PDB file of all heavy atoms in Angstrom:
ATOM      1  N   LEU A   1      -2.816 -18.230  20.481  1.00  0.00           N
ATOM      2  CA  LEU A   1      -2.584 -19.058  21.660  1.00  0.00           C
ATOM      3  C   LEU A   1      -1.215 -19.475  21.883  1.00  0.00           C
ATOM      4  O   LEU A   1      -0.627 -20.024  20.971  1.00  0.00           O
ATOM      5  CB  LEU A   1      -3.596 -20.192  21.705  1.00  0.00           C
ATOM      6  CG  LEU A   1      -3.616 -21.096  22.896  1.00  0.00           C
ATOM      7  CD1 LEU A   1      -4.111 -20.413  24.078  1.00  0.00           C
ATOM      8  CD2 LEU A   1      -4.264 -22.472  22.535  1.00  0.00           C
ATOM      9  N   SER A   2      -0.696 -19.271  23.073  1.00  0.00           N
ATOM     10  CA  SER A   2       0.609 -19.870  23.513  1.00  0.00           C
ATOM     11  C   SER A   2       0.364 -20.549  24.749  1.00  0.00           C
ATOM     12  O   SER A   2       0.028 -19.990  25.737  1.00  0.00           O
ATOM     13  CB  SER A   2       1.748 -18.774  23.546  1.00  0.00           C
ATOM     14  OG  SER A   2       2.904 -19.312  23.842  1.00  0.00           O
ATOM     15  N   VAL A   3       0.717 -21.779  24.811  1.00  0.00           N
ATOM     16  CA  VAL A   3       0.479 -22.650  25.946  1.00  0.00           C
ATOM     17  C   VAL A   3       1.626 -23.397  26.445  1.00  0.00           C
ATOM     18  O   VAL A   3       2.287 -23.992  25.541  1.00  0.00           O
ATOM     19  CB  VAL A   3      -0.775 -23.563  25.755  1.00  0.00           C
ATOM     20  CG1 VAL A   3      -0.970 -24.480  27.017  1.00  0.00           C
ATOM     21  CG2 VAL A   3      -2.005 -22.752  25.394  1.00  0.00           C
ATOM     22  N   SER A   4       1.903 -23.439  27.757  1.00  0.00           N
ATOM     23  CA  SER A   4       2.995 -24.293  28.164  1.00  0.00           C
ATOM     24  C   SER A   4       2.364 -25.373  28.905  1.00  0.00           C
ATOM     25  O   SER A   4       1.433 -25.232  29.835  1.00  0.00           O
ATOM     26  CB  SER A   4       3.850 -23.367  29.154  1.00  0.00           C
ATOM     27  OG  SER A   4       4.883 -24.193  29.636  1.00  0.00           O
ATOM     28  N   VAL A   5       2.839 -26.577  28.559  1.00  0.00           N
ATOM     29  CA  VAL A   5       2.328 -27.867  29.195  1.00  0.00           C
ATOM     30  C   VAL A   5       3.502 -28.590  29.756  1.00  0.00           C
ATOM     31  O   VAL A   5       4.457 -28.759  29.154  1.00  0.00           O
ATOM     32  CB  VAL A   5       1.572 -28.727  28.150  1.00  0.00           C
ATOM     33  CG1 VAL A   5       1.192 -30.079  28.798  1.00  0.00           C
ATOM     34  CG2 VAL A   5       0.377 -28.003  27.502  1.00  0.00           C
ATOM     35  N   THR A   6       3.329 -29.055  31.025  1.00  0.00           N
ATOM     36  CA  THR A   6       4.363 -29.830  31.704  1.00  0.00           C
ATOM     37  C   THR A   6       3.868 -31.284  31.935  1.00  0.00           C
ATOM     38  O   THR A   6       2.634 -31.465  31.973  1.00  0.00           O
ATOM     39  CB  THR A   6       4.820 -29.155  33.008  1.00  0.00           C
ATOM     40  OG1 THR A   6       3.709 -29.096  33.800  1.00  0.00           O
ATOM     41  CG2 THR A   6       5.395 -27.899  32.847  1.00  0.00           C
ATOM     42  N   GLY A   7       4.856 -32.184  32.052  1.00  0.00           N
ATOM     43  CA  GLY A   7       4.498 -33.596  32.378  1.00  0.00           C
ATOM     44  C   GLY A   7       5.238 -34.512  31.353  1.00  0.00           C
ATOM     45  O   GLY A   7       6.261 -33.985  30.778  1.00  0.00           O
ATOM     46  N   ALA A   8       4.815 -35.704  31.169  1.00  0.00           N
ATOM     47  CA  ALA A   8       5.477 -36.629  30.263  1.00  0.00           C
ATOM     48  C   ALA A   8       5.062 -36.317  28.925  1.00  0.00           C
ATOM     49  O   ALA A   8       3.860 -36.524  28.580  1.00  0.00           O
ATOM     50  CB  ALA A   8       5.202 -38.043  30.691  1.00  0.00           C
ATOM     51  N   ILE A   9       6.015 -35.803  28.073  1.00  0.00           N
ATOM     52  CA  ILE A   9       5.680 -35.394  26.765  1.00  0.00           C
ATOM     53  C   ILE A   9       6.539 -36.106  25.783  1.00  0.00           C
ATOM     54  O   ILE A   9       7.742 -36.326  26.018  1.00  0.00           O
ATOM     55  CB  ILE A   9       5.828 -33.894  26.499  1.00  0.00           C
ATOM     56  CG1 ILE A   9       4.987 -33.129  27.584  1.00  0.00           C
ATOM     57  CG2 ILE A   9       5.760 -33.425  25.126  1.00  0.00           C
ATOM     58  CD1 ILE A   9       5.327 -31.699  27.827  1.00  0.00           C
ATOM     59  N   THR A  10       5.971 -36.572  24.619  1.00  0.00           N
ATOM     60  CA  THR A  10       6.764 -37.308  23.600  1.00  0.00           C
ATOM     61  C   THR A  10       6.507 -36.703  22.265  1.00  0.00           C
ATOM     62  O   THR A  10       5.455 -36.369  21.930  1.00  0.00           O
ATOM     63  CB  THR A  10       6.278 -38.855  23.556  1.00  0.00           C
ATOM     64  OG1 THR A  10       6.430 -39.307  24.839  1.00  0.00           O
ATOM     65  CG2 THR A  10       7.058 -39.559  22.507  1.00  0.00           C
ATOM     66  N   SER A  11       7.649 -36.526  21.572  1.00  0.00           N
ATOM     67  CA  SER A  11       7.558 -36.035  20.150  1.00  0.00           C
ATOM     68  C   SER A  11       8.245 -37.042  19.355  1.00  0.00           C
ATOM     69  O   SER A  11       9.348 -37.546  19.554  1.00  0.00           O
ATOM     70  CB  SER A  11       8.264 -34.700  20.133  1.00  0.00           C
ATOM     71  OG  SER A  11       8.345 -34.249  18.808  1.00  0.00           O
ATOM     72  N   VAL A  12       7.682 -37.386  18.141  1.00  0.00           N
ATOM     73  CA  VAL A  12       8.223 -38.487  17.311  1.00  0.00           C
ATOM     74  C   VAL A  12       7.861 -38.214  15.876  1.00  0.00           C
ATOM     75  O   VAL A  12       6.653 -37.765  15.583  1.00  0.00           O
ATOM     76  CB  VAL A  12       7.797 -39.916  17.781  1.00  0.00           C
ATOM     77  CG1 VAL A  12       6.280 -40.018  17.605  1.00  0.00           C
ATOM     78  CG2 VAL A  12       8.611 -40.981  16.997  1.00  0.00           C
ATOM     79  N   GLY A  13       8.707 -38.494  14.925  1.00  0.00           N
ATOM     80  CA  GLY A  13       8.409 -38.428  13.545  1.00  0.00           C
ATOM     81  C   GLY A  13       7.765 -39.693  13.067  1.00  0.00           C
ATOM     82  O   GLY A  13       8.099 -40.700  13.636  1.00  0.00           O
ATOM     83  N   ILE A  14       6.710 -39.517  12.233  1.00  0.00           N
ATOM     84  CA  ILE A  14       6.114 -40.752  11.774  1.00  0.00           C
ATOM     85  C   ILE A  14       5.913 -40.637  10.220  1.00  0.00           C
ATOM     86  O   ILE A  14       6.007 -39.621   9.689  1.00  0.00           O
ATOM     87  CB  ILE A  14       4.642 -40.896  12.343  1.00  0.00           C
ATOM     88  CG1 ILE A  14       3.788 -39.703  12.096  1.00  0.00           C
ATOM     89  CG2 ILE A  14       4.691 -41.178  13.843  1.00  0.00           C
ATOM     90  CD1 ILE A  14       2.418 -39.747  12.591  1.00  0.00           C
ATOM     91  N   LEU A  15       5.751 -41.854   9.651  1.00  0.00           N
ATOM     92  CA  LEU A  15       5.619 -41.816   8.181  1.00  0.00           C
ATOM     93  C   LEU A  15       4.281 -42.444   7.931  1.00  0.00           C
ATOM     94  O   LEU A  15       4.021 -43.631   8.280  1.00  0.00           O
ATOM     95  CB  LEU A  15       6.737 -42.707   7.514  1.00  0.00           C
ATOM     96  CG  LEU A  15       6.780 -42.708   6.029  1.00  0.00           C
ATOM     97  CD1 LEU A  15       7.159 -41.352   5.518  1.00  0.00           C
ATOM     98  CD2 LEU A  15       7.856 -43.767   5.585  1.00  0.00           C
ATOM     99  N   ARG A  16       3.409 -41.646   7.229  1.00  0.00           N
ATOM    100  CA  ARG A  16       2.071 -42.154   6.822  1.00  0.00           C
ATOM    101  C   ARG A  16       1.847 -41.905   5.348  1.00  0.00           C
ATOM    102  O   ARG A  16       1.944 -40.719   4.911  1.00  0.00           O
ATOM    103  CB  ARG A  16       0.964 -41.396   7.681  1.00  0.00           C
ATOM    104  CG  ARG A  16       0.485 -42.241   8.800  1.00  0.00           C
ATOM    105  CD  ARG A  16      -0.774 -41.544   9.459  1.00  0.00           C
ATOM    106  NE  ARG A  16      -0.699 -41.783  10.791  1.00  0.00           N
ATOM    107  CZ  ARG A  16      -1.075 -40.993  11.763  1.00  0.00           C
ATOM    108  NH1 ARG A  16      -1.617 -39.944  11.524  1.00  0.00           N
ATOM    109  NH2 ARG A  16      -0.882 -41.452  13.077  1.00  0.00           N
ATOM    110  N   ASP A  17       1.394 -42.822   4.673  1.00  0.00           N
ATOM    111  CA  ASP A  17       1.157 -42.690   3.246  1.00  0.00           C
ATOM    112  C   ASP A  17       2.322 -42.088   2.479  1.00  0.00           C
ATOM    113  O   ASP A  17       2.136 -41.176   1.635  1.00  0.00           O
ATOM    114  CB  ASP A  17      -0.102 -41.982   2.996  1.00  0.00           C
ATOM    115  CG  ASP A  17      -1.307 -42.609   3.678  1.00  0.00           C
ATOM    116  OD1 ASP A  17      -1.403 -43.864   3.674  1.00  0.00           O
ATOM    117  OD2 ASP A  17      -2.249 -41.943   4.099  1.00  0.00           O
ATOM    118  N   GLY A  18       3.533 -42.421   2.843  1.00  0.00           N
ATOM    119  CA  GLY A  18       4.632 -41.910   2.211  1.00  0.00           C
ATOM    120  C   GLY A  18       5.067 -40.393   2.552  1.00  0.00           C
ATOM    121  O   GLY A  18       6.020 -39.880   1.986  1.00  0.00           O
ATOM    122  N   ALA A  19       4.402 -39.879   3.564  1.00  0.00           N
ATOM    123  CA  ALA A  19       4.660 -38.424   3.943  1.00  0.00           C
ATOM    124  C   ALA A  19       5.082 -38.407   5.312  1.00  0.00           C
ATOM    125  O   ALA A  19       4.498 -39.110   6.201  1.00  0.00           O
ATOM    126  CB  ALA A  19       3.515 -37.572   3.773  1.00  0.00           C
ATOM    127  N   ALA A  20       6.161 -37.612   5.711  1.00  0.00           N
ATOM    128  CA  ALA A  20       6.657 -37.471   7.048  1.00  0.00           C
ATOM    129  C   ALA A  20       5.786 -36.481   7.751  1.00  0.00           C
ATOM    130  O   ALA A  20       5.396 -35.471   7.248  1.00  0.00           O
ATOM    131  CB  ALA A  20       8.067 -37.093   7.014  1.00  0.00           C
ATOM    132  N   SER A  21       5.554 -36.763   9.030  1.00  0.00           N
ATOM    133  CA  SER A  21       4.630 -35.970  10.020  1.00  0.00           C
ATOM    134  C   SER A  21       5.410 -35.955  11.298  1.00  0.00           C
ATOM    135  O   SER A  21       6.088 -36.851  11.618  1.00  0.00           O
ATOM    136  CB  SER A  21       3.237 -36.434  10.116  1.00  0.00           C
ATOM    137  OG  SER A  21       2.535 -36.348   8.969  1.00  0.00           O
ATOM    138  N   MET A  22       4.902 -35.104  12.142  1.00  0.00           N
ATOM    139  CA  MET A  22       5.350 -35.023  13.533  1.00  0.00           C
ATOM    140  C   MET A  22       4.097 -35.386  14.387  1.00  0.00           C
ATOM    141  O   MET A  22       3.110 -34.851  14.197  1.00  0.00           O
ATOM    142  CB  MET A  22       5.859 -33.662  13.884  1.00  0.00           C
ATOM    143  CG  MET A  22       7.152 -33.237  13.248  1.00  0.00           C
ATOM    144  SD  MET A  22       8.473 -34.366  13.584  1.00  0.00           S
ATOM    145  CE  MET A  22       8.551 -34.276  15.407  1.00  0.00           C
ATOM    146  N   GLU A  23       4.377 -36.199  15.427  1.00  0.00           N
ATOM    147  CA  GLU A  23       3.260 -36.531  16.443  1.00  0.00           C
ATOM    148  C   GLU A  23       3.774 -36.085  17.773  1.00  0.00           C
ATOM    149  O   GLU A  23       4.783 -36.392  18.272  1.00  0.00           O
ATOM    150  CB  GLU A  23       3.019 -37.975  16.449  1.00  0.00           C
ATOM    151  CG  GLU A  23       1.885 -38.394  17.240  1.00  0.00           C
ATOM    152  CD  GLU A  23       1.480 -39.787  17.055  1.00  0.00           C
ATOM    153  OE1 GLU A  23       0.719 -40.105  16.142  1.00  0.00           O
ATOM    154  OE2 GLU A  23       1.960 -40.675  17.762  1.00  0.00           O
ATOM    155  N   LEU A  24       2.962 -35.191  18.375  1.00  0.00           N
ATOM    156  CA  LEU A  24       3.243 -34.698  19.733  1.00  0.00           C
ATOM    157  C   LEU A  24       2.181 -35.272  20.647  1.00  0.00           C
ATOM    158  O   LEU A  24       0.943 -35.026  20.391  1.00  0.00           O
ATOM    159  CB  LEU A  24       3.155 -33.222  19.706  1.00  0.00           C
ATOM    160  CG  LEU A  24       3.293 -32.373  20.998  1.00  0.00           C
ATOM    161  CD1 LEU A  24       4.796 -32.627  21.549  1.00  0.00           C
ATOM    162  CD2 LEU A  24       3.083 -30.852  20.824  1.00  0.00           C
ATOM    163  N   ALA A  25       2.617 -35.862  21.772  1.00  0.00           N
ATOM    164  CA  ALA A  25       1.665 -36.509  22.705  1.00  0.00           C
ATOM    165  C   ALA A  25       1.861 -35.753  24.046  1.00  0.00           C
ATOM    166  O   ALA A  25       2.990 -35.756  24.649  1.00  0.00           O
ATOM    167  CB  ALA A  25       1.858 -37.940  22.862  1.00  0.00           C
ATOM    168  N   LEU A  26       0.791 -35.109  24.452  1.00  0.00           N
ATOM    169  CA  LEU A  26       0.741 -34.244  25.665  1.00  0.00           C
ATOM    170  C   LEU A  26       0.043 -35.002  26.751  1.00  0.00           C
ATOM    171  O   LEU A  26      -0.925 -35.676  26.482  1.00  0.00           O
ATOM    172  CB  LEU A  26       0.049 -32.993  25.390  1.00  0.00           C
ATOM    173  CG  LEU A  26       0.664 -32.023  24.295  1.00  0.00           C
ATOM    174  CD1 LEU A  26      -0.179 -30.933  23.968  1.00  0.00           C
ATOM    175  CD2 LEU A  26       2.156 -31.721  24.605  1.00  0.00           C
ATOM    176  N   PRO A  27       0.489 -34.848  28.029  1.00  0.00           N
ATOM    177  CA  PRO A  27      -0.270 -35.606  29.045  1.00  0.00           C
ATOM    178  C   PRO A  27      -1.697 -34.951  29.172  1.00  0.00           C
ATOM    179  O   PRO A  27      -2.031 -33.995  28.652  1.00  0.00           O
ATOM    180  CB  PRO A  27       0.519 -35.156  30.377  1.00  0.00           C
ATOM    181  CG  PRO A  27       1.240 -33.856  29.876  1.00  0.00           C
ATOM    182  CD  PRO A  27       1.526 -33.847  28.551  1.00  0.00           C
ATOM    183  N   ASP A  28      -2.491 -35.798  29.798  1.00  0.00           N
ATOM    184  CA  ASP A  28      -3.888 -35.438  29.990  1.00  0.00           C
ATOM    185  C   ASP A  28      -4.065 -34.218  30.886  1.00  0.00           C
ATOM    186  O   ASP A  28      -3.786 -34.323  32.107  1.00  0.00           O
ATOM    187  CB  ASP A  28      -4.707 -36.574  30.559  1.00  0.00           C
ATOM    188  CG  ASP A  28      -6.189 -36.279  30.647  1.00  0.00           C
ATOM    189  OD1 ASP A  28      -6.632 -35.304  29.906  1.00  0.00           O
ATOM    190  OD2 ASP A  28      -6.957 -37.052  31.324  1.00  0.00           O
ATOM    191  N   VAL A  29      -4.055 -33.004  30.215  1.00  0.00           N
ATOM    192  CA  VAL A  29      -4.015 -31.801  30.981  1.00  0.00           C
ATOM    193  C   VAL A  29      -5.485 -31.454  31.490  1.00  0.00           C
ATOM    194  O   VAL A  29      -6.484 -32.107  31.263  1.00  0.00           O
ATOM    195  CB  VAL A  29      -3.512 -30.631  30.149  1.00  0.00           C
ATOM    196  CG1 VAL A  29      -2.077 -30.841  29.754  1.00  0.00           C
ATOM    197  CG2 VAL A  29      -4.310 -30.454  28.840  1.00  0.00           C
ATOM    198  N   ASP A  30      -5.521 -30.423  32.205  1.00  0.00           N
ATOM    199  CA  ASP A  30      -6.817 -29.910  32.697  1.00  0.00           C
ATOM    200  C   ASP A  30      -7.870 -29.689  31.617  1.00  0.00           C
ATOM    201  O   ASP A  30      -7.457 -29.350  30.500  1.00  0.00           O
ATOM    202  CB  ASP A  30      -6.758 -28.698  33.764  1.00  0.00           C
ATOM    203  CG  ASP A  30      -6.568 -27.393  32.988  1.00  0.00           C
ATOM    204  OD1 ASP A  30      -7.595 -26.965  32.314  1.00  0.00           O
ATOM    205  OD2 ASP A  30      -5.456 -26.806  33.034  1.00  0.00           O
ATOM    206  N   PRO A  31      -9.074 -29.948  31.839  1.00  0.00           N
ATOM    207  CA  PRO A  31     -10.109 -29.923  30.812  1.00  0.00           C
ATOM    208  C   PRO A  31     -10.178 -28.664  29.983  1.00  0.00           C
ATOM    209  O   PRO A  31     -10.298 -28.706  28.733  1.00  0.00           O
ATOM    210  CB  PRO A  31     -11.410 -30.223  31.486  1.00  0.00           C
ATOM    211  CG  PRO A  31     -11.077 -31.007  32.679  1.00  0.00           C
ATOM    212  CD  PRO A  31      -9.739 -30.478  33.172  1.00  0.00           C
ATOM    213  N   GLN A  32     -10.052 -27.569  30.590  1.00  0.00           N
ATOM    214  CA  GLN A  32     -10.150 -26.286  29.905  1.00  0.00           C
ATOM    215  C   GLN A  32      -8.830 -26.081  29.020  1.00  0.00           C
ATOM    216  O   GLN A  32      -9.025 -25.612  27.831  1.00  0.00           O
ATOM    217  CB  GLN A  32     -10.276 -25.039  30.946  1.00  0.00           C
ATOM    218  CG  GLN A  32     -10.351 -23.731  30.155  1.00  0.00           C
ATOM    219  CD  GLN A  32     -11.630 -23.718  29.239  1.00  0.00           C
ATOM    220  OE1 GLN A  32     -12.748 -24.097  29.631  1.00  0.00           O
ATOM    221  NE2 GLN A  32     -11.499 -23.345  28.036  1.00  0.00           N
ATOM    222  N   GLN A  33      -7.723 -26.367  29.502  1.00  0.00           N
ATOM    223  CA  GLN A  33      -6.562 -26.231  28.690  1.00  0.00           C
ATOM    224  C   GLN A  33      -6.598 -27.194  27.466  1.00  0.00           C
ATOM    225  O   GLN A  33      -6.255 -26.819  26.324  1.00  0.00           O
ATOM    226  CB  GLN A  33      -5.350 -26.606  29.542  1.00  0.00           C
ATOM    227  CG  GLN A  33      -4.018 -26.312  28.834  1.00  0.00           C
ATOM    228  CD  GLN A  33      -2.765 -26.385  29.795  1.00  0.00           C
ATOM    229  OE1 GLN A  33      -2.681 -27.421  30.426  1.00  0.00           O
ATOM    230  NE2 GLN A  33      -1.927 -25.449  29.737  1.00  0.00           N
ATOM    231  N   ARG A  34      -7.177 -28.447  27.699  1.00  0.00           N
ATOM    232  CA  ARG A  34      -7.255 -29.391  26.579  1.00  0.00           C
ATOM    233  C   ARG A  34      -8.217 -28.815  25.565  1.00  0.00           C
ATOM    234  O   ARG A  34      -7.913 -28.863  24.383  1.00  0.00           O
ATOM    235  CB  ARG A  34      -7.799 -30.701  27.254  1.00  0.00           C
ATOM    236  CG  ARG A  34      -8.051 -31.742  26.034  1.00  0.00           C
ATOM    237  CD  ARG A  34      -8.355 -33.098  26.623  1.00  0.00           C
ATOM    238  NE  ARG A  34      -9.536 -33.144  27.504  1.00  0.00           N
ATOM    239  CZ  ARG A  34      -9.531 -33.445  28.765  1.00  0.00           C
ATOM    240  NH1 ARG A  34      -8.518 -33.753  29.414  1.00  0.00           N
ATOM    241  NH2 ARG A  34     -10.704 -33.283  29.477  1.00  0.00           N
ATOM    242  N   ARG A  35      -9.312 -28.235  25.928  1.00  0.00           N
ATOM    243  CA  ARG A  35     -10.317 -27.686  25.027  1.00  0.00           C
ATOM    244  C   ARG A  35      -9.619 -26.507  24.189  1.00  0.00           C
ATOM    245  O   ARG A  35      -9.852 -26.406  23.021  1.00  0.00           O
ATOM    246  CB  ARG A  35     -11.595 -27.144  25.703  1.00  0.00           C
ATOM    247  CG  ARG A  35     -12.421 -28.328  26.115  1.00  0.00           C
ATOM    248  CD  ARG A  35     -13.832 -27.732  26.522  1.00  0.00           C
ATOM    249  NE  ARG A  35     -13.714 -27.051  27.936  1.00  0.00           N
ATOM    250  CZ  ARG A  35     -13.805 -27.721  29.081  1.00  0.00           C
ATOM    251  NH1 ARG A  35     -13.991 -28.951  29.198  1.00  0.00           N
ATOM    252  NH2 ARG A  35     -13.744 -26.994  30.274  1.00  0.00           N
ATOM    253  N   ASP A  36      -8.838 -25.680  24.953  1.00  0.00           N
ATOM    254  CA  ASP A  36      -8.141 -24.515  24.343  1.00  0.00           C
ATOM    255  C   ASP A  36      -7.161 -25.043  23.303  1.00  0.00           C
ATOM    256  O   ASP A  36      -7.139 -24.483  22.120  1.00  0.00           O
ATOM    257  CB  ASP A  36      -7.319 -23.678  25.346  1.00  0.00           C
ATOM    258  CG  ASP A  36      -8.350 -22.938  26.308  1.00  0.00           C
ATOM    259  OD1 ASP A  36      -9.524 -22.835  25.910  1.00  0.00           O
ATOM    260  OD2 ASP A  36      -7.869 -22.437  27.305  1.00  0.00           O
ATOM    261  N   LEU A  37      -6.453 -26.061  23.562  1.00  0.00           N
ATOM    262  CA  LEU A  37      -5.434 -26.603  22.658  1.00  0.00           C
ATOM    263  C   LEU A  37      -6.253 -27.236  21.386  1.00  0.00           C
ATOM    264  O   LEU A  37      -5.827 -26.941  20.345  1.00  0.00           O
ATOM    265  CB  LEU A  37      -4.669 -27.635  23.248  1.00  0.00           C
ATOM    266  CG  LEU A  37      -3.525 -27.188  24.197  1.00  0.00           C
ATOM    267  CD1 LEU A  37      -2.866 -28.354  24.975  1.00  0.00           C
ATOM    268  CD2 LEU A  37      -2.464 -26.578  23.344  1.00  0.00           C
TER     269      LEU A  37
END
C-alpha cells in the first residue's frame, strides 16, 4: 500500500520507556482510506 494524505500533518519524535519512536498524526481522512491505513 502506498497512500498520499493531505491536510494538517504532524511528525514528532517521542521518548517512551527509554526508547525513541516516531509519531505521525494524520488528519481525519475518509473512512475507507483510514481503514486501509
